[in-house]
Protein backbone atom coordinates (compact mmCIF):
# COMPACT_ATOMS: atom_id res chain seq x y z
CA MET A 1 -4.50 -23.47 -23.66
CA LYS A 2 -4.49 -27.18 -24.35
CA LEU A 3 -7.74 -28.87 -25.37
CA ALA A 4 -7.50 -31.40 -22.55
CA TYR A 5 -7.49 -28.61 -19.96
CA LEU A 6 -10.47 -27.00 -21.67
CA GLN A 7 -12.36 -30.27 -21.54
CA GLU A 8 -11.69 -30.73 -17.85
CA PHE A 9 -12.71 -27.14 -17.24
CA CYS A 10 -15.99 -27.65 -19.14
CA PHE A 11 -16.59 -30.87 -17.23
CA ILE A 12 -16.35 -29.03 -13.90
CA ILE A 13 -18.67 -26.30 -15.19
CA ALA A 14 -21.14 -28.90 -16.40
CA ILE A 15 -21.32 -30.48 -13.00
CA ALA A 16 -21.81 -27.11 -11.33
CA PHE A 17 -24.78 -26.36 -13.65
CA THR A 18 -26.35 -29.80 -14.01
CA LEU A 19 -29.22 -30.26 -16.48
CA ASN A 20 -32.18 -32.39 -15.28
CA PRO A 21 -30.53 -34.40 -12.49
CA ILE A 22 -32.15 -37.83 -12.03
CA GLN A 23 -31.55 -38.24 -8.32
CA ALA A 24 -29.71 -36.40 -5.57
CA ASN A 25 -27.05 -38.30 -3.71
CA ALA A 26 -28.27 -38.93 -0.19
CA ASN A 27 -24.80 -39.41 1.22
CA PRO A 28 -22.65 -36.29 1.80
CA ILE A 29 -19.13 -36.33 0.43
CA PRO A 30 -16.63 -36.92 3.26
CA GLU A 31 -13.89 -34.36 3.80
CA ALA A 32 -10.76 -35.24 1.83
CA GLU A 33 -7.55 -35.67 3.76
CA ASN A 34 -5.77 -33.74 1.03
CA ASN A 35 -6.66 -31.98 -2.19
CA GLU A 36 -4.44 -33.98 -4.51
CA LEU A 37 -6.16 -35.66 -7.48
CA VAL A 38 -5.41 -39.36 -7.89
CA GLN A 39 -6.15 -41.74 -10.73
CA ASN A 40 -9.32 -43.83 -10.34
CA ASN A 41 -9.47 -46.77 -12.76
CA SER A 42 -12.85 -48.26 -11.86
CA VAL A 43 -16.13 -46.61 -12.76
CA SER A 44 -17.79 -48.72 -10.08
CA GLU A 45 -15.81 -46.75 -7.50
CA LEU A 46 -17.31 -43.50 -8.80
CA ARG A 47 -20.25 -43.75 -6.43
CA ASP A 48 -22.25 -40.82 -7.78
CA VAL A 49 -22.61 -42.49 -11.25
CA GLU A 50 -25.39 -45.07 -11.13
CA PRO A 51 -24.68 -48.30 -13.03
CA LYS A 52 -28.17 -48.78 -14.43
CA ASP A 53 -27.76 -49.20 -18.19
CA TRP A 54 -25.44 -50.61 -20.78
CA ALA A 55 -23.73 -47.22 -21.32
CA TYR A 56 -22.50 -47.25 -17.74
CA GLU A 57 -21.11 -50.75 -18.13
CA ALA A 58 -19.46 -49.83 -21.39
CA LEU A 59 -17.79 -46.78 -19.91
CA LYS A 60 -16.82 -48.82 -16.87
CA ASN A 61 -15.03 -51.38 -19.00
CA LEU A 62 -13.26 -48.75 -21.10
CA SER A 63 -12.15 -46.88 -17.98
CA GLU A 64 -10.74 -49.99 -16.34
CA LYS A 65 -8.91 -51.14 -19.47
CA TYR A 66 -7.53 -47.86 -20.74
CA ASN A 67 -7.24 -45.77 -17.54
CA CYS A 68 -9.18 -42.90 -19.04
CA ILE A 69 -11.33 -41.44 -16.22
CA GLU A 70 -10.04 -39.50 -13.24
CA GLY A 71 -11.75 -39.15 -9.90
CA ASN A 72 -10.68 -37.52 -6.66
CA ALA A 73 -9.24 -39.02 -3.50
CA ASN A 74 -12.68 -40.04 -2.16
CA GLY A 75 -13.72 -41.92 -5.26
CA PHE A 76 -16.34 -39.39 -6.33
CA TYR A 77 -16.63 -38.23 -9.89
CA LEU A 78 -16.17 -34.47 -9.42
CA GLY A 79 -19.45 -33.98 -7.58
CA ASN A 80 -22.09 -35.38 -5.25
CA ARG A 81 -25.12 -35.68 -7.57
CA THR A 82 -26.33 -38.12 -10.18
CA ILE A 83 -24.66 -37.44 -13.50
CA THR A 84 -26.91 -36.19 -16.29
CA ARG A 85 -26.61 -37.26 -19.92
CA TYR A 86 -24.57 -34.17 -20.70
CA GLU A 87 -22.24 -34.76 -17.78
CA PHE A 88 -21.92 -38.41 -18.81
CA ALA A 89 -21.04 -37.30 -22.34
CA THR A 90 -18.38 -35.00 -20.89
CA GLY A 91 -16.81 -37.95 -19.09
CA LEU A 92 -17.11 -40.03 -22.25
CA ASN A 93 -15.37 -37.31 -24.23
CA THR A 94 -12.54 -37.25 -21.70
CA CYS A 95 -12.13 -40.99 -22.09
CA LEU A 96 -12.23 -40.76 -25.87
CA GLU A 97 -9.50 -38.12 -25.88
CA LYS A 98 -7.19 -40.63 -24.18
CA ILE A 99 -8.17 -43.62 -26.28
CA THR A 100 -8.07 -41.89 -29.69
CA PRO A 101 -4.25 -41.45 -29.78
CA LEU A 102 -3.94 -45.15 -28.98
CA ILE A 103 -6.19 -46.04 -31.93
CA ASN A 104 -4.37 -43.68 -34.30
CA SER A 105 -0.99 -45.09 -33.37
CA GLY A 106 -2.08 -48.66 -34.05
CA GLY A 107 -2.03 -49.64 -30.44
CA GLU A 108 -3.77 -52.71 -29.08
CA ILE A 109 -7.49 -52.23 -28.75
CA GLN A 110 -10.07 -54.98 -28.95
CA ALA A 111 -12.75 -55.06 -31.63
CA ASP A 112 -15.60 -55.24 -29.13
CA ASP A 113 -14.21 -52.10 -27.44
CA LEU A 114 -14.31 -50.32 -30.79
CA ASP A 115 -17.95 -51.39 -31.15
CA LYS A 116 -18.75 -50.03 -27.67
CA ILE A 117 -17.09 -46.73 -28.54
CA LYS A 118 -19.13 -46.44 -31.77
CA GLN A 119 -22.38 -47.18 -29.92
CA LEU A 120 -21.60 -44.69 -27.17
CA GLN A 121 -20.75 -42.04 -29.76
CA THR A 122 -24.04 -42.75 -31.55
CA GLN A 123 -26.23 -42.65 -28.43
CA PHE A 124 -24.59 -39.50 -27.06
CA SER A 125 -23.91 -37.81 -30.40
CA SER A 126 -26.04 -34.74 -29.66
CA GLU A 127 -24.37 -34.20 -26.29
CA LEU A 128 -20.89 -34.71 -27.75
CA THR A 129 -21.69 -32.25 -30.54
CA ALA A 130 -22.91 -29.67 -28.02
CA LEU A 131 -19.78 -30.22 -25.97
CA SER A 132 -17.55 -29.72 -29.02
CA THR A 133 -19.39 -26.51 -29.89
CA ARG A 134 -18.92 -25.20 -26.38
CA LEU A 135 -15.21 -26.02 -26.43
CA ASP A 136 -14.79 -24.22 -29.75
CA SER A 137 -16.63 -21.21 -28.37
CA LEU A 138 -14.49 -21.24 -25.23
CA GLU A 139 -11.30 -21.37 -27.30
CA GLN A 140 -12.46 -18.40 -29.35
CA ARG A 141 -13.12 -16.43 -26.20
CA ILE A 142 -9.80 -17.32 -24.63
CA LEU A 143 -7.77 -16.46 -27.72
CA PRO A 144 -8.42 -12.68 -27.56
CA LEU A 145 -7.63 -12.71 -23.85
CA GLU A 146 -4.27 -14.34 -24.55
CA GLU A 147 -3.53 -11.95 -27.41
CA GLN A 148 -4.75 -8.77 -25.72
CA GLN A 149 -3.66 -9.34 -22.12
CA PHE A 150 -1.67 -6.47 -20.63
CA SER A 151 1.41 -8.54 -19.84
CA THR A 152 2.44 -12.05 -18.89
CA THR A 153 4.76 -10.71 -16.21
CA THR A 154 3.16 -7.46 -14.98
CA LYS A 155 0.15 -6.79 -12.77
CA LEU A 156 -1.54 -3.41 -12.52
CA ASN A 157 -3.25 -2.22 -9.36
CA GLY A 158 -4.17 1.20 -8.16
CA SER A 159 -5.89 3.48 -5.71
CA ALA A 160 -7.93 6.60 -6.36
CA TRP A 161 -9.22 9.10 -3.83
CA ILE A 162 -11.73 11.95 -3.93
CA ASN A 163 -11.29 14.32 -0.97
CA LEU A 164 -13.72 16.88 0.43
CA THR A 165 -11.95 19.00 3.07
CA GLY A 166 -13.04 22.01 5.11
CA VAL A 167 -11.42 24.05 7.91
CA SER A 168 -12.88 26.20 10.67
CA THR A 169 -11.13 28.65 13.03
CA GLY A 170 -12.42 30.96 15.71
CA ASP A 171 -10.04 33.81 14.92
CA ASN A 172 -6.86 34.72 13.06
CA ILE A 173 -4.15 32.08 13.09
CA LYS A 174 -0.52 33.10 13.53
CA PHE A 175 2.06 31.40 11.34
CA GLU A 176 5.78 31.96 10.69
CA ALA A 177 6.76 32.40 7.04
CA LEU A 178 7.89 34.98 4.55
CA PRO A 179 5.10 37.57 4.15
CA ASN A 180 2.92 38.03 1.10
CA THR A 181 3.85 34.71 -0.46
CA PRO A 182 1.43 32.25 -2.05
CA LEU A 183 1.04 28.76 -0.71
CA ASP A 184 3.42 27.18 -3.21
CA ALA A 185 6.20 29.64 -2.25
CA ARG A 186 5.91 29.18 1.51
CA PHE A 187 9.05 27.08 1.81
CA ALA A 188 11.17 29.18 4.17
CA GLY A 189 11.04 31.48 7.15
CA GLY A 190 12.83 34.73 7.78
CA ARG A 191 13.76 36.98 10.69
CA ASP A 192 12.92 40.61 11.21
CA SER A 193 15.96 42.76 10.30
CA THR A 194 15.49 44.87 13.45
CA THR A 195 14.47 42.47 16.21
CA GLY A 196 15.95 39.27 14.82
CA GLU A 197 12.72 37.49 15.70
CA PRO A 198 10.92 35.15 13.26
CA LEU A 199 8.45 36.89 10.95
CA ILE A 200 4.83 36.33 11.97
CA ASN A 201 1.79 36.55 9.71
CA THR A 202 -1.91 35.91 10.32
CA ILE A 203 -4.75 34.36 8.34
CA ARG A 204 -8.31 33.40 9.18
CA ASP A 205 -10.19 32.22 6.11
CA SER A 206 -9.77 29.12 4.00
CA GLN A 207 -12.32 27.69 1.60
CA THR A 208 -13.55 24.10 1.36
CA THR A 209 -11.79 22.10 -1.36
CA LEU A 210 -12.56 19.07 -3.51
CA SER A 211 -9.46 17.27 -4.77
CA SER A 212 -8.32 14.04 -6.37
CA LEU A 213 -5.36 11.71 -6.10
CA VAL A 214 -4.53 8.60 -8.14
CA TRP A 215 -1.74 6.06 -7.68
CA LEU A 216 -1.12 3.40 -10.32
CA THR A 217 1.33 0.61 -9.53
CA LEU A 218 2.92 -1.78 -12.02
CA ASN A 219 4.40 -4.85 -10.33
CA THR A 220 6.55 -7.01 -12.60
CA SER A 221 8.18 -10.32 -11.74
CA PHE A 222 10.72 -11.98 -14.03
CA THR A 223 11.53 -15.03 -11.90
CA GLY A 224 8.49 -15.37 -9.66
CA LYS A 225 10.51 -14.25 -6.63
CA ASP A 226 11.73 -10.81 -7.71
CA LEU A 227 9.62 -7.65 -8.11
CA LEU A 228 10.09 -4.51 -10.19
CA THR A 229 7.80 -1.75 -8.86
CA VAL A 230 6.86 1.33 -10.87
CA GLN A 231 4.31 3.61 -9.23
CA LEU A 232 2.81 6.65 -10.95
CA ALA A 233 0.98 9.40 -9.09
CA ALA A 234 -1.25 12.26 -10.17
CA GLY A 235 -3.22 14.61 -7.96
CA ASN A 236 -4.34 18.20 -7.53
CA GLY A 237 -4.78 18.46 -3.76
CA ALA A 238 -3.71 21.58 -1.85
CA SER A 239 -5.43 20.99 1.47
CA PRO A 240 -7.02 24.11 3.03
CA ILE A 241 -5.19 23.44 6.30
CA ASN A 242 -1.95 24.39 4.52
CA GLN A 243 -3.13 28.01 4.44
CA PHE A 244 -2.51 28.23 8.19
CA VAL A 245 0.82 26.49 8.64
CA SER A 246 4.22 27.90 9.47
CA ALA A 247 6.97 27.50 6.87
CA GLY A 248 7.97 23.88 6.56
CA PHE A 249 4.76 22.64 8.20
CA LEU A 250 3.07 21.60 4.96
CA ASN A 251 1.54 18.13 5.37
CA THR A 252 2.43 17.97 9.05
CA TYR A 253 -0.71 18.22 11.16
CA GLY A 254 -4.43 18.08 10.50
CA ASN A 255 -3.79 17.42 6.83
CA PRO A 256 -5.55 14.38 5.34
CA TYR A 257 -2.86 12.09 3.97
CA THR A 258 -4.57 11.61 0.61
CA ASP A 259 -5.40 15.30 0.17
CA GLN A 260 -2.14 16.02 -1.64
CA THR A 261 -0.68 16.92 -5.01
CA SER A 262 1.77 15.03 -7.17
CA GLY A 263 3.53 18.14 -8.44
CA LEU A 264 5.21 21.17 -6.90
CA VAL A 265 2.46 21.85 -4.33
CA THR A 266 0.78 24.05 -6.92
CA GLY A 267 -2.41 22.08 -7.31
CA LYS A 268 -1.40 21.07 -10.84
CA PRO A 269 -2.16 17.40 -11.57
CA ASP A 270 1.36 16.55 -12.74
CA VAL A 271 2.12 12.87 -13.24
CA VAL A 272 5.25 11.79 -11.37
CA ILE A 273 7.15 8.57 -10.80
CA GLN A 274 6.56 8.03 -7.11
CA ASP A 275 8.33 4.68 -6.76
CA LEU A 276 10.89 2.93 -8.96
CA SER A 277 12.62 0.00 -7.29
CA TYR A 278 13.66 -3.61 -7.81
CA SER A 279 13.49 -6.29 -5.08
CA PHE A 280 15.01 -9.75 -5.16
CA PRO A 281 15.93 -12.44 -2.60
CA LEU A 282 19.53 -13.02 -1.55
CA THR A 283 18.52 -16.07 0.51
CA ASP A 284 15.22 -17.53 1.70
CA ALA A 285 15.33 -15.11 4.64
CA VAL A 286 17.02 -12.04 3.14
CA LYS A 287 15.67 -9.65 0.50
CA LEU A 288 17.37 -6.65 -1.11
CA THR A 289 15.64 -3.67 -2.73
CA LEU A 290 17.49 -1.19 -4.95
CA GLY A 291 16.24 1.85 -6.82
CA PRO A 292 16.53 5.53 -7.70
CA ARG A 293 13.25 6.29 -5.88
CA VAL A 294 12.39 3.95 -3.01
CA ASN A 295 9.39 4.67 -0.78
CA TRP A 296 10.75 4.63 2.79
CA PHE A 297 7.27 4.16 4.30
CA ASN A 298 6.84 0.85 2.48
CA TYR A 299 9.47 -0.64 4.77
CA PHE A 300 9.64 1.30 8.06
CA ASP A 301 7.43 2.72 10.82
CA PHE A 302 4.46 0.55 9.87
CA ASN A 303 1.56 0.24 12.31
CA ASN A 304 -1.47 -2.03 11.90
CA PHE A 305 -3.91 0.70 12.95
CA THR A 306 -2.49 3.79 11.23
CA SER A 307 -2.29 2.79 7.56
CA TYR A 308 -3.55 5.55 5.27
CA LEU A 309 -5.58 2.90 3.41
CA ASN A 310 -7.80 1.79 6.28
CA GLY A 311 -6.56 3.32 9.54
CA ALA A 312 -5.64 6.75 10.87
CA SER A 313 -6.06 9.60 8.47
CA SER A 314 -3.70 12.58 8.83
CA TYR A 315 0.00 12.97 8.08
CA ALA A 316 0.78 13.38 11.79
CA SER A 317 -0.87 10.08 12.73
CA VAL A 318 -0.19 7.83 9.73
CA ALA A 319 3.52 7.84 10.61
CA SER A 320 5.84 9.50 13.08
CA THR A 321 6.68 13.11 12.29
CA GLN A 322 10.24 12.17 13.22
CA SER A 323 10.68 9.44 10.66
CA SER A 324 13.19 10.00 7.86
CA ALA A 325 14.62 12.84 5.82
CA THR A 326 14.19 10.57 2.81
CA PHE A 327 10.50 9.78 2.52
CA TRP A 328 11.56 8.76 -0.97
CA GLY A 329 15.20 8.20 -1.76
CA SER A 330 17.85 6.64 -3.95
CA GLY A 331 19.65 3.66 -2.47
CA ALA A 332 18.95 0.27 -0.95
CA VAL A 333 16.82 -1.50 1.67
CA LEU A 334 17.83 -4.83 3.25
CA GLU A 335 15.22 -7.05 4.93
CA TRP A 336 16.17 -10.04 7.07
CA LYS A 337 13.56 -12.40 8.55
CA ILE A 338 15.66 -13.65 11.46
CA SER A 339 12.89 -15.82 12.90
CA PRO A 340 9.08 -15.94 12.89
CA GLN A 341 9.18 -13.39 15.71
CA LEU A 342 12.06 -11.16 14.58
CA MET A 343 12.46 -8.97 11.50
CA TRP A 344 15.37 -6.59 10.91
CA LYS A 345 15.44 -3.93 8.20
CA ALA A 346 18.15 -1.44 7.26
CA SER A 347 18.47 1.17 4.52
CA TYR A 348 20.59 3.92 3.08
CA LEU A 349 18.71 6.47 0.97
CA GLY A 350 19.82 9.72 -0.59
CA GLU A 351 16.87 12.11 -0.66
CA ASN A 352 14.80 12.08 -3.87
CA ILE A 353 11.23 13.31 -3.33
CA PRO A 354 8.77 13.22 -6.26
CA TYR A 355 6.72 16.25 -5.18
CA PHE A 356 9.41 18.93 -5.17
CA SER A 357 12.22 19.97 -7.46
CA SER A 358 15.88 20.66 -6.73
CA GLU A 359 15.34 24.43 -6.88
CA PHE A 360 13.67 24.16 -3.46
CA GLY A 361 16.48 22.10 -1.97
CA TYR A 362 15.22 18.64 -2.77
CA ASN A 363 16.39 15.64 -4.80
CA THR A 364 20.01 15.98 -3.75
CA SER A 365 20.80 12.38 -4.71
CA SER A 366 20.31 13.19 -8.41
CA ASN A 367 21.92 16.64 -8.17
CA PRO A 368 25.59 16.53 -9.28
CA ASP A 369 26.41 19.32 -6.82
CA PHE A 370 25.70 16.89 -3.96
CA GLY A 371 25.09 13.39 -5.28
CA LEU A 372 24.06 10.24 -3.47
CA PHE A 373 26.31 10.77 -0.44
CA GLY A 374 26.98 14.52 -0.26
CA GLY A 375 23.52 16.04 0.22
CA THR A 376 20.54 15.08 2.36
CA ASN A 377 20.55 11.38 3.20
CA SER A 378 19.37 9.01 5.88
CA THR A 379 20.47 5.65 7.29
CA THR A 380 17.78 3.61 9.05
CA SER A 381 17.78 0.47 11.16
CA GLU A 382 14.58 -1.06 12.55
CA LEU A 383 13.99 -4.24 14.56
CA THR A 384 10.46 -5.64 14.81
CA TYR A 385 9.64 -8.13 17.56
CA SER A 386 6.29 -9.92 17.39
CA PRO A 387 5.94 -12.23 20.40
CA THR A 388 2.39 -13.09 19.26
CA ASP A 389 0.31 -12.41 16.17
CA LYS A 390 -1.56 -9.78 18.22
CA LEU A 391 1.41 -7.69 19.40
CA ASN A 392 4.16 -5.96 17.42
CA LEU A 393 7.03 -3.93 18.90
CA ARG A 394 9.29 -1.85 16.63
CA PHE A 395 12.57 -0.18 17.59
CA ARG A 396 14.12 2.26 15.11
CA TYR A 397 17.25 4.39 14.77
CA ASN A 398 17.92 7.02 12.10
CA TYR A 399 21.11 8.88 11.29
CA THR A 400 20.41 11.81 9.00
CA ARG A 401 22.42 14.47 7.22
CA LEU A 402 20.50 17.60 6.20
CA GLN A 403 21.79 19.93 3.52
CA ALA A 404 21.24 23.65 4.24
CA TYR A 405 19.80 26.12 1.72
CA GLY A 406 19.85 29.85 2.30
CA GLY A 407 21.49 29.15 5.66
CA GLN A 408 18.53 27.05 6.80
CA VAL A 409 17.72 23.39 7.25
CA GLY A 410 14.27 21.95 7.59
CA GLY A 411 10.97 21.77 5.80
CA GLY A 412 9.41 18.60 4.46
CA ASN A 413 12.81 16.92 4.07
CA ALA A 414 13.87 17.45 7.67
CA ALA A 415 12.18 14.61 9.46
CA PRO A 416 14.45 14.64 12.55
CA LEU A 417 12.79 17.97 13.17
CA PRO A 418 9.09 17.53 13.02
CA TYR A 419 9.36 19.96 10.11
CA GLY A 420 9.77 23.71 10.62
CA TYR A 421 12.99 25.55 9.74
CA LEU A 422 16.23 26.11 11.68
CA ASP A 423 18.97 28.66 11.17
CA ALA A 424 22.00 29.84 13.15
CA GLY A 425 19.89 31.97 15.50
CA PRO A 426 18.94 35.68 15.71
CA GLY A 427 20.89 37.78 13.21
CA PHE A 428 20.85 35.16 10.48
CA SER A 429 18.34 34.50 7.69
CA VAL A 430 17.26 38.15 7.79
CA TYR A 431 14.39 39.08 5.50
CA ASP A 432 15.01 41.87 2.98
CA PRO A 433 11.61 43.46 2.14
CA ALA A 434 13.10 45.31 -0.84
CA THR A 435 14.00 42.09 -2.66
CA GLY A 436 11.62 39.71 -0.88
CA THR A 437 14.49 37.34 -0.06
CA ILE A 438 16.38 36.12 2.98
CA SER A 439 20.11 36.26 3.59
CA SER A 440 22.18 33.22 2.70
CA GLY A 441 24.42 33.15 5.76
CA GLY A 442 24.03 30.74 8.67
CA LEU A 443 24.07 26.97 8.56
CA ASP A 444 25.94 24.74 6.13
CA HIS A 445 24.28 21.48 7.15
CA ALA A 446 22.98 19.56 10.14
CA TYR A 447 23.08 15.96 11.25
CA SER A 448 20.85 14.14 13.68
CA HIS A 449 20.28 10.99 15.69
CA THR A 450 16.67 9.88 16.08
CA PHE A 451 15.41 7.07 18.31
CA ALA A 452 11.86 5.78 17.93
CA PHE A 453 9.51 3.16 19.35
CA ASN A 454 6.27 2.01 17.74
CA PHE A 455 3.76 -0.66 18.81
CA ASP A 456 0.31 -2.03 18.03
CA TRP A 457 -1.57 -4.51 20.20
CA LEU A 458 -4.90 -6.19 19.43
CA LEU A 459 -6.33 -6.74 22.90
CA ASN A 460 -9.40 -8.59 21.59
CA PRO A 461 -11.16 -8.89 18.21
CA LYS A 462 -12.95 -5.58 18.80
CA LEU A 463 -10.30 -3.44 20.51
CA GLY A 464 -6.69 -2.52 19.84
CA ILE A 465 -4.23 0.06 21.17
CA PHE A 466 -1.19 1.61 19.53
CA GLY A 467 1.43 4.30 20.03
CA ARG A 468 4.66 5.93 18.90
CA TYR A 469 7.45 7.85 20.60
CA SER A 470 10.41 9.58 18.92
CA TYR A 471 13.31 11.63 20.20
CA GLY A 472 15.65 13.56 17.89
CA ASN A 473 18.97 15.27 18.58
CA ILE A 474 19.87 17.73 15.77
CA ASN A 475 23.39 19.13 15.57
CA LEU A 476 23.81 22.44 13.68
CA GLU A 477 26.99 23.10 11.71
CA PRO A 478 29.18 25.10 11.71
CA ILE A 479 27.90 26.73 14.93
CA ASN A 480 28.16 23.43 16.84
CA GLU A 481 24.85 23.88 18.64
CA ALA A 482 22.09 21.32 19.21
CA VAL A 483 18.32 21.21 19.12
CA ASN A 484 16.32 18.43 20.78
CA VAL A 485 12.76 17.58 19.81
CA GLN A 486 10.35 14.80 20.75
CA SER A 487 7.00 13.64 19.42
CA TRP A 488 4.49 11.03 20.50
CA GLN A 489 1.18 9.42 19.65
CA VAL A 490 -1.31 7.21 21.51
CA GLY A 491 -4.52 5.76 20.16
CA MET A 492 -7.31 3.20 20.26
CA ALA A 493 -8.62 1.13 17.36
CA PHE A 494 -12.00 -0.54 16.98
CA PRO A 495 -11.90 -3.31 14.33
CA ASP A 496 -15.14 -4.41 12.64
CA LEU A 497 -16.98 -1.43 14.09
CA GLY A 498 -20.45 -1.57 12.55
CA LYS A 499 -19.37 -3.93 9.76
CA LYS A 500 -16.89 -6.67 9.05
CA GLY A 501 -13.68 -5.04 7.80
CA ALA A 502 -14.50 -1.57 9.15
CA LEU A 503 -12.11 0.23 11.50
CA GLY A 504 -12.61 3.15 13.84
CA VAL A 505 -9.50 4.99 15.08
CA LEU A 506 -9.11 7.60 17.82
CA THR A 507 -5.65 9.10 18.31
CA LEU A 508 -3.91 11.93 20.19
CA VAL A 509 -0.72 13.26 18.62
CA VAL A 510 1.99 15.70 19.71
CA PRO A 511 3.89 16.13 16.43
CA MET A 512 6.42 18.66 17.70
CA ASP A 513 7.52 19.15 21.32
CA ILE A 514 10.68 21.30 21.38
CA GLN A 515 12.91 20.38 24.32
CA THR A 516 15.92 22.65 23.73
CA GLY A 517 17.11 25.12 21.08
CA ARG A 518 13.87 26.97 20.37
CA GLN A 519 15.88 30.11 19.53
CA TYR A 520 17.18 28.40 16.40
CA PHE A 521 13.70 27.97 14.94
CA VAL A 522 13.16 30.60 12.29
CA ALA A 523 9.77 28.97 11.58
CA GLY A 524 7.81 26.51 13.72
CA GLY A 525 8.98 27.56 17.16
CA GLY A 526 5.93 29.68 17.93
CA ASP A 527 5.71 31.44 21.30
CA GLY A 528 6.73 28.48 23.43
CA GLY A 529 3.52 26.49 23.03
CA LYS A 530 3.12 22.80 22.27
CA ILE A 531 0.91 21.67 19.41
CA TYR A 532 -1.63 18.86 20.01
CA GLU A 533 -3.93 17.11 17.59
CA LEU A 534 -6.95 14.97 18.41
CA GLU A 535 -8.10 12.84 15.48
CA ALA A 536 -11.07 10.55 14.87
CA SER A 537 -11.54 8.58 11.65
CA TYR A 538 -13.76 5.76 10.47
CA TYR A 539 -12.97 3.41 7.63
CA TYR A 540 -16.14 1.92 6.15
CA PRO A 541 -15.78 -0.59 3.27
CA VAL A 542 -18.80 -0.27 1.01
CA ASN A 543 -17.58 -3.33 -0.90
CA ASP A 544 -14.27 -4.93 -1.85
CA ASN A 545 -13.28 -1.98 -4.05
CA ILE A 546 -14.98 1.12 -2.63
CA SER A 547 -14.59 2.63 0.84
CA LEU A 548 -15.86 5.76 2.56
CA ILE A 549 -13.67 7.37 5.26
CA PRO A 550 -14.90 10.39 7.24
CA ALA A 551 -12.37 12.04 9.58
CA PHE A 552 -12.28 14.93 12.03
CA TYR A 553 -9.25 16.72 13.53
CA ALA A 554 -9.06 19.24 16.36
CA ILE A 555 -5.71 21.10 16.48
CA PHE A 556 -4.71 22.88 19.69
CA ASN A 557 -1.97 25.53 19.88
CA PRO A 558 -1.41 25.49 16.09
CA ASN A 559 2.15 26.25 14.96
CA ASN A 560 3.26 26.03 18.62
CA PHE A 561 1.53 29.31 19.53
CA ASN A 562 -0.30 29.14 22.84
CA SER A 563 -2.07 32.31 21.76
CA ASN A 564 -3.55 30.71 18.65
CA PRO A 565 -7.20 29.61 18.60
CA ASN A 566 -8.03 26.01 17.81
CA ILE A 567 -8.36 24.77 14.25
CA TYR A 568 -10.99 22.20 13.27
CA VAL A 569 -10.68 20.13 10.12
CA GLY A 570 -13.31 17.90 8.52
CA ASN A 571 -12.50 15.49 5.71
CA VAL A 572 -14.45 12.86 3.81
CA ARG A 573 -12.63 10.74 1.28
CA LEU A 574 -14.01 8.24 -1.19
CA GLN A 575 -11.46 5.53 -1.85
CA PHE A 576 -11.36 3.20 -4.85
CA SER A 577 -9.01 0.22 -4.95
CA PHE A 578 -8.50 -2.03 -7.94
């Protein structure tokens, strides 16, 4: 850092902490028309410096001759109070720094001006010495910061959550999954070898859990306009609600969004790369993002009242359950700001999810058996229209290809289905109790078309409304049959509820309403029921970095069984942002 900048910095600090002011300025400083600093060559124009002794006159003459004092656009000398001796010495030092090079270079300077300089230095010697000491101290403090700073191009920010989650049920809950399997193995459903019906299990008890989740994000810019994003995640959450879900329903309903793991849903705090992407502008209005692991939710299906950071709380309400088969994927995202009211985004992503491995049918984009275009992938197009700064309307289309495993498609990577598992119908995916496996016949793949609408509207500073609707048409190959599913969400938001920056959210969600093709659900079809979830959450910012978010969910007809009792979930999360 240059010495001149340090001197100006110290001068500002000195004014802010004035020692023994002589007199307060009775006239307020008028509002500047702009914030640009201009040169002021006359000390007499610096109205908050009183011309009452020879030192003032001397500095006035030096300033006018050698252009060595700067003021602002209103003619005030960096403040609205009488300048103390120390502040005057700071201004004198600034002037001396500009005159000294002129003297050293043999430039023209009058003898009487040299005498004035010597007298000023003598009279203000103690203040100038103190100023020099402070500058030296400041330089010593700044030097370690410059040497030890993390990076000149990279900024680190992060979020950390502590989750306390409990579940209550009135009776046994029916769920469809392979029997006698632990939570981390509940990735598929099977059919009874005799009846051909999906296998049904029951469970009632689940214990309260305390879990953690941390995301660290490194944002690096090389040109000032581009951005390299590397996000690391570590967590050990296995939410107790997952004990009750049908196969493929993990993280679908009543599950707090931040109550999750970063590994293979085993509760192990594995560190994973959650986002690795590079963004750069093509034009002033167009930006391109490329990467092997791009977070789809950073670009699509956003809603001002359902962000996991300060809005709605569960997976089913943070985003549409019919969103994308590539929550994280390898590929590209294009963003085009057509006008202040219109934004268009498009993407192609081959599935690459950080939480699961390829042995469970994930990460097809990095699997040479399938690759970027041959496995599970999704193409998205979304148009956002914002007629005012209070209303946003989003229209989205997804085309998705789903790779089948064991004759089934679905699970967490099957967003056109609101999760669950599909097969070719009764007679396929039969469970063999002797080996504990399911048959591998049935489907080869599926493809789908999903249409979605999403809006948020701030009616007044204290009330907003929002909603989502999605409709998906899933085509099963090679049997050439179709399944149609819809989902929807409506809600109310209460900004600044109880405190500035707080947000209360109340939302009703139907994450999975099967329209046709229920017979192809080997898990998630239930007995013909329709699952509902009522959610209430409250974001309370304790300060700029710490927030407390209690949430409550009531789940009706869990797993699409009308015969199931309700499930009640309570969650409190402590959120740290830095």
